[in-house]
N, C-alpha and C. Protein backbone atom coordinates (compact mmCIF):
# COMPACT_ATOMS: atom_id res chain seq x y z
N UNK A 1 87.05 23.80 103.59
CA UNK A 1 85.82 23.89 104.36
C UNK A 1 85.17 25.24 104.11
N UNK A 2 83.90 25.23 103.88
CA UNK A 2 83.15 26.45 103.61
C UNK A 2 82.85 27.19 104.91
N UNK A 3 83.06 28.49 104.88
CA UNK A 3 82.69 29.33 106.02
C UNK A 3 81.19 29.59 105.93
N UNK A 4 80.49 29.40 107.03
CA UNK A 4 79.05 29.65 107.07
C UNK A 4 78.77 30.89 107.92
N UNK A 5 77.59 31.45 107.74
CA UNK A 5 77.21 32.65 108.49
C UNK A 5 75.77 32.54 108.97
N UNK A 6 75.54 33.02 110.17
CA UNK A 6 74.19 33.16 110.72
C UNK A 6 73.95 34.66 110.86
N UNK A 7 72.93 35.14 110.15
CA UNK A 7 72.67 36.58 110.09
C UNK A 7 71.39 36.90 110.84
N UNK A 8 71.43 37.99 111.61
CA UNK A 8 70.25 38.49 112.30
C UNK A 8 70.18 40.00 112.10
N UNK A 9 69.07 40.59 112.44
CA UNK A 9 68.88 42.03 112.33
C UNK A 9 68.52 42.56 113.70
N UNK A 10 69.35 43.47 114.23
CA UNK A 10 69.14 43.99 115.58
C UNK A 10 69.50 45.47 115.61
N UNK A 11 68.59 46.29 116.09
CA UNK A 11 68.80 47.74 116.20
C UNK A 11 69.27 48.34 114.88
N UNK A 12 68.53 48.06 113.82
CA UNK A 12 68.79 48.60 112.48
C UNK A 12 70.15 48.22 111.92
N UNK A 13 70.62 47.04 112.26
CA UNK A 13 71.92 46.60 111.76
C UNK A 13 71.90 45.09 111.54
N UNK A 14 72.47 44.67 110.41
CA UNK A 14 72.65 43.26 110.14
C UNK A 14 73.90 42.80 110.89
N UNK A 15 73.78 41.69 111.59
CA UNK A 15 74.90 41.14 112.35
C UNK A 15 75.07 39.69 111.94
N UNK A 16 76.29 39.35 111.52
CA UNK A 16 76.58 37.99 111.08
C UNK A 16 77.61 37.36 112.00
N UNK A 17 77.33 36.15 112.44
CA UNK A 17 78.28 35.35 113.20
C UNK A 17 78.80 34.27 112.26
N UNK A 18 80.10 34.27 112.01
CA UNK A 18 80.69 33.32 111.08
C UNK A 18 81.16 32.07 111.81
N UNK A 19 81.20 30.96 111.09
CA UNK A 19 81.58 29.68 111.69
C UNK A 19 83.02 29.67 112.18
N UNK A 20 83.85 30.60 111.69
CA UNK A 20 85.24 30.66 112.14
C UNK A 20 85.43 31.60 113.33
N UNK A 21 84.31 32.10 113.88
CA UNK A 21 84.35 32.93 115.07
C UNK A 21 84.29 34.43 114.82
N UNK A 22 84.43 34.86 113.58
CA UNK A 22 84.36 36.29 113.29
C UNK A 22 82.93 36.79 113.37
N UNK A 23 82.81 38.10 113.57
CA UNK A 23 81.50 38.76 113.63
C UNK A 23 81.56 39.98 112.71
N UNK A 24 80.53 40.13 111.89
CA UNK A 24 80.47 41.24 110.94
C UNK A 24 79.18 42.00 111.19
N UNK A 25 79.27 43.34 111.22
CA UNK A 25 78.10 44.19 111.41
C UNK A 25 78.05 45.21 110.29
N UNK A 26 76.90 45.32 109.65
CA UNK A 26 76.70 46.29 108.57
C UNK A 26 75.26 46.80 108.63
N UNK A 27 75.03 48.02 108.19
CA UNK A 27 73.69 48.62 108.20
C UNK A 27 72.87 48.25 106.98
N UNK A 28 73.50 47.96 105.86
CA UNK A 28 72.82 47.70 104.60
C UNK A 28 73.04 46.27 104.16
N UNK A 29 72.02 45.63 103.57
CA UNK A 29 72.17 44.23 103.17
C UNK A 29 73.19 44.07 102.05
N UNK A 30 73.34 45.09 101.19
CA UNK A 30 74.36 45.00 100.14
C UNK A 30 75.76 45.04 100.73
N UNK A 31 75.95 45.91 101.70
CA UNK A 31 77.25 45.97 102.39
C UNK A 31 77.54 44.65 103.11
N UNK A 32 76.50 44.08 103.69
CA UNK A 32 76.67 42.79 104.38
C UNK A 32 77.03 41.70 103.38
N UNK A 33 76.37 41.69 102.23
CA UNK A 33 76.68 40.69 101.20
C UNK A 33 78.14 40.80 100.77
N UNK A 34 78.62 42.01 100.54
CA UNK A 34 80.02 42.20 100.15
C UNK A 34 80.96 41.75 101.25
N UNK A 35 80.66 42.09 102.49
CA UNK A 35 81.51 41.68 103.61
C UNK A 35 81.53 40.16 103.76
N UNK A 36 80.37 39.52 103.61
CA UNK A 36 80.32 38.06 103.72
C UNK A 36 81.08 37.41 102.58
N UNK A 37 80.90 37.91 101.36
CA UNK A 37 81.62 37.37 100.21
C UNK A 37 83.13 37.52 100.42
N UNK A 38 83.55 38.68 100.89
CA UNK A 38 84.97 38.93 101.14
C UNK A 38 85.53 38.02 102.23
N UNK A 39 84.65 37.58 103.14
CA UNK A 39 85.07 36.68 104.22
C UNK A 39 85.05 35.22 103.79
N UNK A 40 84.64 34.95 102.53
CA UNK A 40 84.64 33.58 102.02
C UNK A 40 83.35 32.83 102.20
N UNK A 41 82.27 33.54 102.50
CA UNK A 41 80.97 32.89 102.68
C UNK A 41 80.27 32.82 101.33
N UNK A 42 79.79 31.65 100.97
CA UNK A 42 79.04 31.47 99.73
C UNK A 42 77.56 31.73 99.98
N UNK A 43 76.83 32.04 98.90
CA UNK A 43 75.42 32.37 99.02
C UNK A 43 74.59 31.30 99.70
N UNK A 44 74.90 30.04 99.46
CA UNK A 44 74.14 28.95 100.06
C UNK A 44 74.54 28.64 101.49
N UNK A 45 75.55 29.33 102.00
CA UNK A 45 76.06 29.05 103.35
C UNK A 45 75.60 30.10 104.36
N UNK A 46 74.49 30.78 104.05
CA UNK A 46 73.96 31.82 104.93
C UNK A 46 72.64 31.35 105.52
N UNK A 47 72.52 31.41 106.83
CA UNK A 47 71.27 31.13 107.53
C UNK A 47 70.83 32.40 108.23
N UNK A 48 69.55 32.51 108.51
CA UNK A 48 69.00 33.70 109.15
C UNK A 48 68.35 33.31 110.46
N UNK A 49 68.56 34.14 111.47
CA UNK A 49 68.00 33.88 112.80
C UNK A 49 67.30 35.13 113.31
N UNK A 50 66.39 34.94 114.23
CA UNK A 50 65.81 36.06 114.95
C UNK A 50 65.30 35.56 116.28
N UNK A 51 65.18 36.48 117.21
CA UNK A 51 64.72 36.13 118.54
C UNK A 51 64.06 37.34 119.18
N UNK A 52 63.86 37.25 120.47
CA UNK A 52 63.22 38.33 121.20
C UNK A 52 64.00 39.63 121.04
N UNK A 53 63.30 40.70 120.74
CA UNK A 53 63.92 42.00 120.59
C UNK A 53 64.54 42.25 119.23
N UNK A 54 64.46 41.27 118.35
CA UNK A 54 65.04 41.42 117.01
C UNK A 54 63.94 41.52 115.98
N UNK A 55 64.25 42.22 114.91
CA UNK A 55 63.30 42.29 113.80
C UNK A 55 63.61 41.14 112.85
N UNK A 56 62.59 40.48 112.36
CA UNK A 56 62.79 39.38 111.43
C UNK A 56 63.27 39.93 110.09
N UNK A 57 64.26 39.27 109.51
CA UNK A 57 64.72 39.63 108.18
C UNK A 57 63.69 39.09 107.20
N UNK A 58 63.17 39.96 106.35
CA UNK A 58 62.10 39.55 105.44
C UNK A 58 62.62 38.52 104.44
N UNK A 59 61.69 37.77 103.86
CA UNK A 59 62.05 36.78 102.85
C UNK A 59 62.75 37.46 101.67
N UNK A 60 62.27 38.64 101.29
CA UNK A 60 62.88 39.38 100.20
C UNK A 60 64.31 39.78 100.50
N UNK A 61 64.57 40.22 101.73
CA UNK A 61 65.94 40.58 102.12
C UNK A 61 66.84 39.34 102.13
N UNK A 62 66.29 38.23 102.58
CA UNK A 62 67.08 36.99 102.60
C UNK A 62 67.49 36.59 101.19
N UNK A 63 66.53 36.60 100.28
CA UNK A 63 66.80 36.23 98.89
C UNK A 63 67.79 37.21 98.27
N UNK A 64 67.59 38.50 98.51
CA UNK A 64 68.45 39.53 97.93
C UNK A 64 69.89 39.40 98.42
N UNK A 65 70.07 39.15 99.71
CA UNK A 65 71.42 39.03 100.26
C UNK A 65 72.14 37.82 99.66
N UNK A 66 71.46 36.70 99.61
CA UNK A 66 72.08 35.49 99.02
C UNK A 66 72.38 35.70 97.54
N UNK A 67 71.45 36.32 96.83
CA UNK A 67 71.64 36.56 95.39
C UNK A 67 72.80 37.50 95.15
N UNK A 68 72.98 38.49 95.99
CA UNK A 68 74.09 39.44 95.83
C UNK A 68 75.43 38.74 96.05
N UNK A 69 75.50 37.85 97.02
CA UNK A 69 76.74 37.09 97.24
C UNK A 69 77.05 36.25 96.00
N UNK A 70 76.04 35.61 95.45
CA UNK A 70 76.24 34.80 94.24
C UNK A 70 76.65 35.67 93.05
N UNK A 71 76.05 36.86 92.93
CA UNK A 71 76.41 37.77 91.85
C UNK A 71 77.87 38.21 91.98
N UNK A 72 78.30 38.51 93.19
CA UNK A 72 79.69 38.90 93.41
C UNK A 72 80.64 37.77 93.01
N UNK A 73 80.26 36.54 93.33
CA UNK A 73 81.10 35.38 92.97
C UNK A 73 81.18 35.23 91.45
N UNK A 74 80.05 35.37 90.76
CA UNK A 74 80.06 35.27 89.29
C UNK A 74 80.90 36.37 88.67
N UNK A 75 80.78 37.59 89.18
CA UNK A 75 81.54 38.72 88.66
C UNK A 75 83.03 38.48 88.84
N UNK A 76 83.40 37.94 89.97
CA UNK A 76 84.82 37.64 90.24
C UNK A 76 85.34 36.60 89.26
N UNK A 77 84.55 35.56 88.99
CA UNK A 77 84.96 34.52 88.05
C UNK A 77 85.14 35.09 86.66
N UNK A 78 84.27 36.00 86.24
CA UNK A 78 84.37 36.62 84.92
C UNK A 78 85.67 37.44 84.84
N UNK A 79 85.99 38.18 85.92
CA UNK A 79 87.23 38.97 85.93
C UNK A 79 88.46 38.08 85.83
N UNK A 80 88.43 36.95 86.51
CA UNK A 80 89.58 36.02 86.49
C UNK A 80 89.75 35.45 85.09
N UNK A 81 88.66 35.03 84.45
CA UNK A 81 88.72 34.48 83.11
C UNK A 81 89.19 35.53 82.11
N UNK A 82 88.69 36.74 82.24
CA UNK A 82 89.04 37.82 81.32
C UNK A 82 90.52 38.21 81.46
N UNK A 83 91.06 38.09 82.65
CA UNK A 83 92.46 38.45 82.89
C UNK A 83 93.42 37.38 82.38
N UNK A 84 92.93 36.16 82.20
CA UNK A 84 93.79 35.05 81.80
C UNK A 84 94.15 35.06 80.34
């Protein structure tokens, strides 16, 4: 089963709620992408939320975060193949 994440931006920090109950907080979208990838979240399994008092995550940040997770996955696959 794929772990999913709902990401929001609150008080200058990205906050992700994972489907398995974990919560991840990071200040930078790249750090968040690495943390999500390390937690087993795939790029397509990320949703974004916002509400009162929260800043909306821009479309560019959304695309960048998902793309970074996918890049990390590709890099990992290349390392595994190269080590074999």
